[in-house]
């Protein structure tokens, strides 16, 4: 099990699956990076963050202040993913506010 702490993140829906799209800003020694999780199995709310467990059992600790704070690299990757999803499934990805994702996942 891996645990990730992204600098920016959004919840996206691809068809009927909710996923975390996360990005990190690089710096002097490393470049910007991103991850798309396997799908959200569990979403838990804490005072300053959300804890998301994916189908692969990876955990994302999502700072509440970092929601929808993707860097330019993250936005460009999300556009590429959207084009690929559109070409393959003829649907657009949808960014879902975490409150709505919580209702969908937790009922």
N, C-alpha and C. Protein backbone atom coordinates (compact mmCIF):
# COMPACT_ATOMS: atom_id res chain seq x y z
N UNK A 1 0.85 -1.18 0.00
CA UNK A 1 0.00 0.00 0.00
C UNK A 1 0.89 1.24 0.00
N UNK A 2 0.63 2.14 -0.93
CA UNK A 2 1.34 3.40 -1.01
C UNK A 2 0.44 4.53 -0.51
N UNK A 3 1.05 5.55 0.06
CA UNK A 3 0.32 6.73 0.51
C UNK A 3 0.88 7.94 -0.22
N UNK A 4 -0.03 8.75 -0.76
CA UNK A 4 0.34 9.92 -1.55
C UNK A 4 -0.25 11.19 -0.93
N UNK A 5 0.51 12.28 -1.02
CA UNK A 5 0.12 13.58 -0.51
C UNK A 5 0.25 14.61 -1.63
N UNK A 6 -0.73 14.72 -2.51
CA UNK A 6 -0.59 15.61 -3.67
C UNK A 6 -0.65 17.09 -3.30
N UNK A 7 -0.02 17.89 -4.16
CA UNK A 7 -0.07 19.35 -4.02
C UNK A 7 -1.40 19.91 -4.51
N UNK A 8 -1.99 19.26 -5.49
CA UNK A 8 -3.28 19.66 -6.04
C UNK A 8 -4.04 18.43 -6.48
N UNK A 9 -5.36 18.51 -6.47
CA UNK A 9 -6.15 17.32 -6.81
C UNK A 9 -7.57 17.71 -7.21
N UNK A 10 -8.20 16.81 -7.94
CA UNK A 10 -9.63 16.88 -8.25
C UNK A 10 -10.16 15.45 -8.26
N UNK A 11 -11.46 15.34 -8.06
CA UNK A 11 -12.16 14.07 -8.23
C UNK A 11 -12.79 14.11 -9.62
N UNK A 12 -12.55 13.09 -10.41
CA UNK A 12 -13.15 13.04 -11.74
C UNK A 12 -14.01 11.79 -11.86
N UNK A 13 -15.00 11.90 -12.76
CA UNK A 13 -15.83 10.75 -13.08
C UNK A 13 -15.56 10.39 -14.53
N UNK A 14 -15.20 9.12 -14.73
CA UNK A 14 -15.05 8.56 -16.06
C UNK A 14 -16.10 7.46 -16.16
N UNK A 15 -17.08 7.69 -17.01
CA UNK A 15 -18.25 6.82 -17.08
C UNK A 15 -18.86 6.75 -15.68
N UNK A 16 -18.88 5.61 -15.03
CA UNK A 16 -19.48 5.51 -13.70
C UNK A 16 -18.45 5.34 -12.59
N UNK A 17 -17.19 5.62 -12.88
CA UNK A 17 -16.13 5.43 -11.90
C UNK A 17 -15.58 6.78 -11.45
N UNK A 18 -15.48 6.96 -10.13
CA UNK A 18 -14.86 8.16 -9.57
C UNK A 18 -13.41 7.86 -9.26
N UNK A 19 -12.54 8.80 -9.62
CA UNK A 19 -11.10 8.64 -9.44
C UNK A 19 -10.50 9.93 -8.92
N UNK A 20 -9.35 9.82 -8.26
CA UNK A 20 -8.57 10.98 -7.86
C UNK A 20 -7.55 11.25 -8.96
N UNK A 21 -7.55 12.49 -9.44
CA UNK A 21 -6.46 12.95 -10.31
C UNK A 21 -5.63 13.88 -9.45
N UNK A 22 -4.36 13.55 -9.26
CA UNK A 22 -3.49 14.29 -8.36
C UNK A 22 -2.25 14.76 -9.09
N UNK A 23 -1.73 15.91 -8.67
CA UNK A 23 -0.49 16.38 -9.26
C UNK A 23 0.42 16.97 -8.18
N UNK A 24 1.70 16.96 -8.52
CA UNK A 24 2.74 17.49 -7.64
C UNK A 24 3.59 18.46 -8.44
N UNK A 25 3.97 19.54 -7.81
CA UNK A 25 4.88 20.49 -8.44
C UNK A 25 6.30 20.04 -8.17
N UNK A 26 7.09 20.03 -9.20
CA UNK A 26 8.48 19.64 -9.05
C UNK A 26 9.27 20.77 -8.42
N UNK A 27 10.47 20.83 -8.75
CA UNK A 27 11.34 21.87 -8.21
C UNK A 27 12.67 21.78 -8.90
N UNK A 28 13.67 22.15 -8.20
CA UNK A 28 15.02 22.16 -8.77
C UNK A 28 15.46 20.76 -9.22
N UNK A 29 15.21 19.76 -8.38
CA UNK A 29 15.75 18.43 -8.65
C UNK A 29 14.80 17.48 -9.36
N UNK A 30 13.53 17.83 -9.46
CA UNK A 30 12.59 16.91 -10.11
C UNK A 30 11.52 17.69 -10.86
N UNK A 31 10.89 16.99 -11.80
CA UNK A 31 9.87 17.65 -12.61
C UNK A 31 8.49 17.48 -11.99
N UNK A 32 7.51 18.19 -12.53
CA UNK A 32 6.12 18.02 -12.10
C UNK A 32 5.70 16.58 -12.39
N UNK A 33 4.72 16.09 -11.63
CA UNK A 33 4.24 14.73 -11.85
C UNK A 33 2.75 14.65 -11.56
N UNK A 34 2.15 13.53 -11.93
CA UNK A 34 0.72 13.33 -11.74
C UNK A 34 0.43 11.85 -11.54
N UNK A 35 -0.74 11.57 -11.00
CA UNK A 35 -1.24 10.20 -10.84
C UNK A 35 -2.75 10.21 -10.98
N UNK A 36 -3.27 9.14 -11.52
CA UNK A 36 -4.71 8.90 -11.59
C UNK A 36 -4.94 7.60 -10.85
N UNK A 37 -5.72 7.65 -9.76
CA UNK A 37 -5.85 6.42 -8.97
C UNK A 37 -6.75 5.42 -9.65
N UNK A 38 -6.81 4.23 -9.07
CA UNK A 38 -7.52 3.10 -9.67
C UNK A 38 -9.04 3.22 -9.57
N UNK A 39 -9.51 4.13 -8.78
CA UNK A 39 -10.93 4.31 -8.51
C UNK A 39 -11.12 4.41 -7.02
N UNK A 40 -12.12 5.14 -6.59
CA UNK A 40 -12.31 5.40 -5.17
C UNK A 40 -13.18 4.31 -4.55
N UNK A 41 -12.60 3.62 -3.58
CA UNK A 41 -13.31 2.59 -2.82
C UNK A 41 -13.90 3.18 -1.53
N UNK A 42 -13.16 4.10 -0.91
CA UNK A 42 -13.57 4.67 0.37
C UNK A 42 -13.11 6.12 0.44
N UNK A 43 -13.99 7.00 0.92
CA UNK A 43 -13.67 8.42 1.09
C UNK A 43 -14.05 8.81 2.51
N UNK A 44 -13.04 9.25 3.27
CA UNK A 44 -13.26 9.64 4.66
C UNK A 44 -12.88 11.10 4.84
N UNK A 45 -13.70 11.83 5.59
CA UNK A 45 -13.43 13.25 5.83
C UNK A 45 -12.85 13.45 7.22
N UNK A 46 -11.81 14.28 7.28
CA UNK A 46 -11.18 14.70 8.52
C UNK A 46 -11.19 16.22 8.55
N UNK A 47 -10.84 16.84 9.67
CA UNK A 47 -10.93 18.31 9.75
C UNK A 47 -10.20 19.07 8.63
N UNK A 48 -9.00 18.63 8.27
CA UNK A 48 -8.21 19.38 7.28
C UNK A 48 -7.96 18.64 5.98
N UNK A 49 -8.41 17.39 5.91
CA UNK A 49 -8.13 16.62 4.71
C UNK A 49 -9.17 15.52 4.52
N UNK A 50 -9.09 14.92 3.32
CA UNK A 50 -9.86 13.72 3.01
C UNK A 50 -8.86 12.58 2.86
N UNK A 51 -9.27 11.41 3.27
CA UNK A 51 -8.47 10.21 3.06
C UNK A 51 -9.22 9.34 2.06
N UNK A 52 -8.59 9.09 0.93
CA UNK A 52 -9.21 8.29 -0.12
C UNK A 52 -8.44 6.99 -0.28
N UNK A 53 -9.16 5.90 -0.20
CA UNK A 53 -8.57 4.58 -0.44
C UNK A 53 -9.07 4.10 -1.80
N UNK A 54 -8.12 3.69 -2.63
CA UNK A 54 -8.46 3.24 -3.97
C UNK A 54 -8.66 1.75 -4.04
N UNK A 55 -9.12 1.28 -5.18
CA UNK A 55 -9.32 -0.15 -5.40
C UNK A 55 -8.01 -0.94 -5.26
N UNK A 56 -6.88 -0.29 -5.53
CA UNK A 56 -5.58 -0.96 -5.39
C UNK A 56 -5.05 -0.84 -3.96
N UNK A 57 -5.86 -0.26 -3.07
CA UNK A 57 -5.50 -0.02 -1.66
C UNK A 57 -4.47 1.08 -1.47
N UNK A 58 -4.13 1.83 -2.51
CA UNK A 58 -3.33 3.03 -2.32
C UNK A 58 -4.17 4.07 -1.62
N UNK A 59 -3.52 4.91 -0.82
CA UNK A 59 -4.21 5.93 -0.05
C UNK A 59 -3.73 7.31 -0.51
N UNK A 60 -4.69 8.21 -0.71
CA UNK A 60 -4.39 9.59 -1.04
C UNK A 60 -4.87 10.45 0.12
N UNK A 61 -3.98 11.25 0.68
CA UNK A 61 -4.33 12.21 1.71
C UNK A 61 -4.50 13.55 0.99
N UNK A 62 -5.73 14.02 0.90
CA UNK A 62 -6.08 15.19 0.09
C UNK A 62 -6.35 16.39 0.98
N UNK A 63 -5.43 17.33 0.99
CA UNK A 63 -5.61 18.56 1.75
C UNK A 63 -6.83 19.30 1.21
N UNK A 64 -7.72 19.71 2.11
CA UNK A 64 -8.94 20.39 1.67
C UNK A 64 -8.64 21.68 0.92
N UNK A 65 -7.55 22.36 1.26
CA UNK A 65 -7.19 23.61 0.59
C UNK A 65 -6.58 23.40 -0.79
N UNK A 66 -6.31 22.16 -1.16
CA UNK A 66 -5.67 21.88 -2.44
C UNK A 66 -6.64 21.38 -3.50
N UNK A 67 -7.95 21.28 -3.15
CA UNK A 67 -8.92 20.82 -4.14
C UNK A 67 -8.99 21.82 -5.29
N UNK A 68 -8.97 21.29 -6.49
CA UNK A 68 -9.04 22.08 -7.73
C UNK A 68 -7.89 23.07 -7.86
N UNK A 69 -6.74 22.69 -7.33
CA UNK A 69 -5.54 23.52 -7.44
C UNK A 69 -4.47 22.81 -8.26
N UNK A 70 -4.85 22.43 -9.45
CA UNK A 70 -3.90 21.77 -10.33
C UNK A 70 -2.95 22.81 -10.91
N UNK A 71 -1.70 22.43 -11.07
CA UNK A 71 -0.76 23.32 -11.75
C UNK A 71 -0.99 23.22 -13.26
N UNK A 72 -0.27 24.02 -14.02
CA UNK A 72 -0.47 24.04 -15.48
C UNK A 72 -0.20 22.67 -16.09
N UNK A 73 0.80 21.99 -15.59
CA UNK A 73 1.11 20.64 -16.07
C UNK A 73 -0.07 19.70 -15.81
N UNK A 74 -0.63 19.74 -14.61
CA UNK A 74 -1.78 18.91 -14.26
C UNK A 74 -2.96 19.18 -15.16
N UNK A 75 -3.24 20.46 -15.44
CA UNK A 75 -4.34 20.81 -16.34
C UNK A 75 -4.10 20.24 -17.74
N UNK A 76 -2.87 20.33 -18.21
CA UNK A 76 -2.59 19.83 -19.56
C UNK A 76 -2.74 18.31 -19.62
N UNK A 77 -2.31 17.60 -18.60
CA UNK A 77 -2.46 16.14 -18.57
C UNK A 77 -3.94 15.77 -18.51
N UNK A 78 -4.71 16.50 -17.71
CA UNK A 78 -6.15 16.23 -17.61
C UNK A 78 -6.83 16.43 -18.96
N UNK A 79 -6.40 17.41 -19.74
CA UNK A 79 -6.96 17.61 -21.08
C UNK A 79 -6.62 16.43 -22.00
N UNK A 80 -5.41 15.92 -21.88
CA UNK A 80 -5.01 14.76 -22.69
C UNK A 80 -5.84 13.54 -22.31
N UNK A 81 -6.02 13.32 -21.02
CA UNK A 81 -6.83 12.19 -20.56
C UNK A 81 -8.26 12.34 -21.07
N UNK A 82 -8.79 13.55 -21.02
CA UNK A 82 -10.16 13.78 -21.50
C UNK A 82 -10.28 13.44 -22.98
N UNK A 83 -9.29 13.83 -23.78
CA UNK A 83 -9.33 13.51 -25.22
C UNK A 83 -9.30 11.99 -25.43
N UNK A 84 -8.47 11.30 -24.65
CA UNK A 84 -8.37 9.84 -24.80
C UNK A 84 -9.67 9.16 -24.39
N UNK A 85 -10.28 9.63 -23.31
CA UNK A 85 -11.56 9.06 -22.87
C UNK A 85 -12.64 9.35 -23.92
N UNK A 86 -12.64 10.55 -24.45
CA UNK A 86 -13.62 10.93 -25.48
C UNK A 86 -13.48 10.04 -26.71
N UNK A 87 -12.23 9.81 -27.14
CA UNK A 87 -11.99 8.97 -28.31
C UNK A 87 -12.40 7.52 -28.06
N UNK A 88 -12.15 7.03 -26.87
CA UNK A 88 -12.41 5.62 -26.59
C UNK A 88 -13.85 5.33 -26.21
N UNK A 89 -14.45 6.19 -25.36
CA UNK A 89 -15.78 5.90 -24.82
C UNK A 89 -16.87 6.87 -25.29
N UNK A 90 -16.46 7.90 -26.02
CA UNK A 90 -17.38 8.94 -26.49
C UNK A 90 -18.09 9.64 -25.33
N UNK A 91 -17.37 9.86 -24.24
CA UNK A 91 -17.86 10.64 -23.10
C UNK A 91 -16.74 11.57 -22.66
N UNK A 92 -17.11 12.64 -22.00
CA UNK A 92 -16.12 13.54 -21.40
C UNK A 92 -15.94 13.16 -19.94
N UNK A 93 -14.74 13.40 -19.43
CA UNK A 93 -14.58 13.25 -17.99
C UNK A 93 -15.27 14.44 -17.33
N UNK A 94 -15.69 14.23 -16.11
CA UNK A 94 -16.41 15.27 -15.38
C UNK A 94 -15.71 15.48 -14.05
N UNK A 95 -15.43 16.74 -13.72
CA UNK A 95 -14.86 17.06 -12.42
C UNK A 95 -16.02 17.15 -11.43
N UNK A 96 -15.90 16.40 -10.35
CA UNK A 96 -16.97 16.30 -9.34
C UNK A 96 -16.49 16.96 -8.05
N UNK A 97 -17.24 17.90 -7.48
CA UNK A 97 -16.85 18.44 -6.17
C UNK A 97 -16.80 17.31 -5.14
N UNK A 98 -15.86 17.39 -4.22
CA UNK A 98 -15.66 16.30 -3.27
C UNK A 98 -16.91 16.02 -2.44
N UNK A 99 -17.70 17.04 -2.15
CA UNK A 99 -18.93 16.82 -1.38
C UNK A 99 -19.89 15.92 -2.15
N UNK A 100 -19.98 16.12 -3.48
CA UNK A 100 -20.84 15.28 -4.29
C UNK A 100 -20.27 13.86 -4.40
N UNK A 101 -18.97 13.76 -4.53
CA UNK A 101 -18.32 12.45 -4.60
C UNK A 101 -18.56 11.69 -3.30
N UNK A 102 -18.51 12.38 -2.18
CA UNK A 102 -18.75 11.75 -0.89
C UNK A 102 -20.14 11.16 -0.81
N UNK A 103 -21.13 11.90 -1.33
CA UNK A 103 -22.52 11.41 -1.33
C UNK A 103 -22.66 10.19 -2.23
N UNK A 104 -22.01 10.22 -3.38
CA UNK A 104 -22.10 9.09 -4.32
C UNK A 104 -21.45 7.84 -3.72
N UNK A 105 -20.30 8.01 -3.13
CA UNK A 105 -19.52 6.86 -2.62
C UNK A 105 -20.10 6.32 -1.32
N UNK A 106 -20.44 7.22 -0.42
CA UNK A 106 -20.85 6.81 0.92
C UNK A 106 -22.36 6.73 1.10
N UNK A 107 -23.09 7.09 0.06
CA UNK A 107 -24.55 6.99 0.13
C UNK A 107 -25.19 8.05 0.83
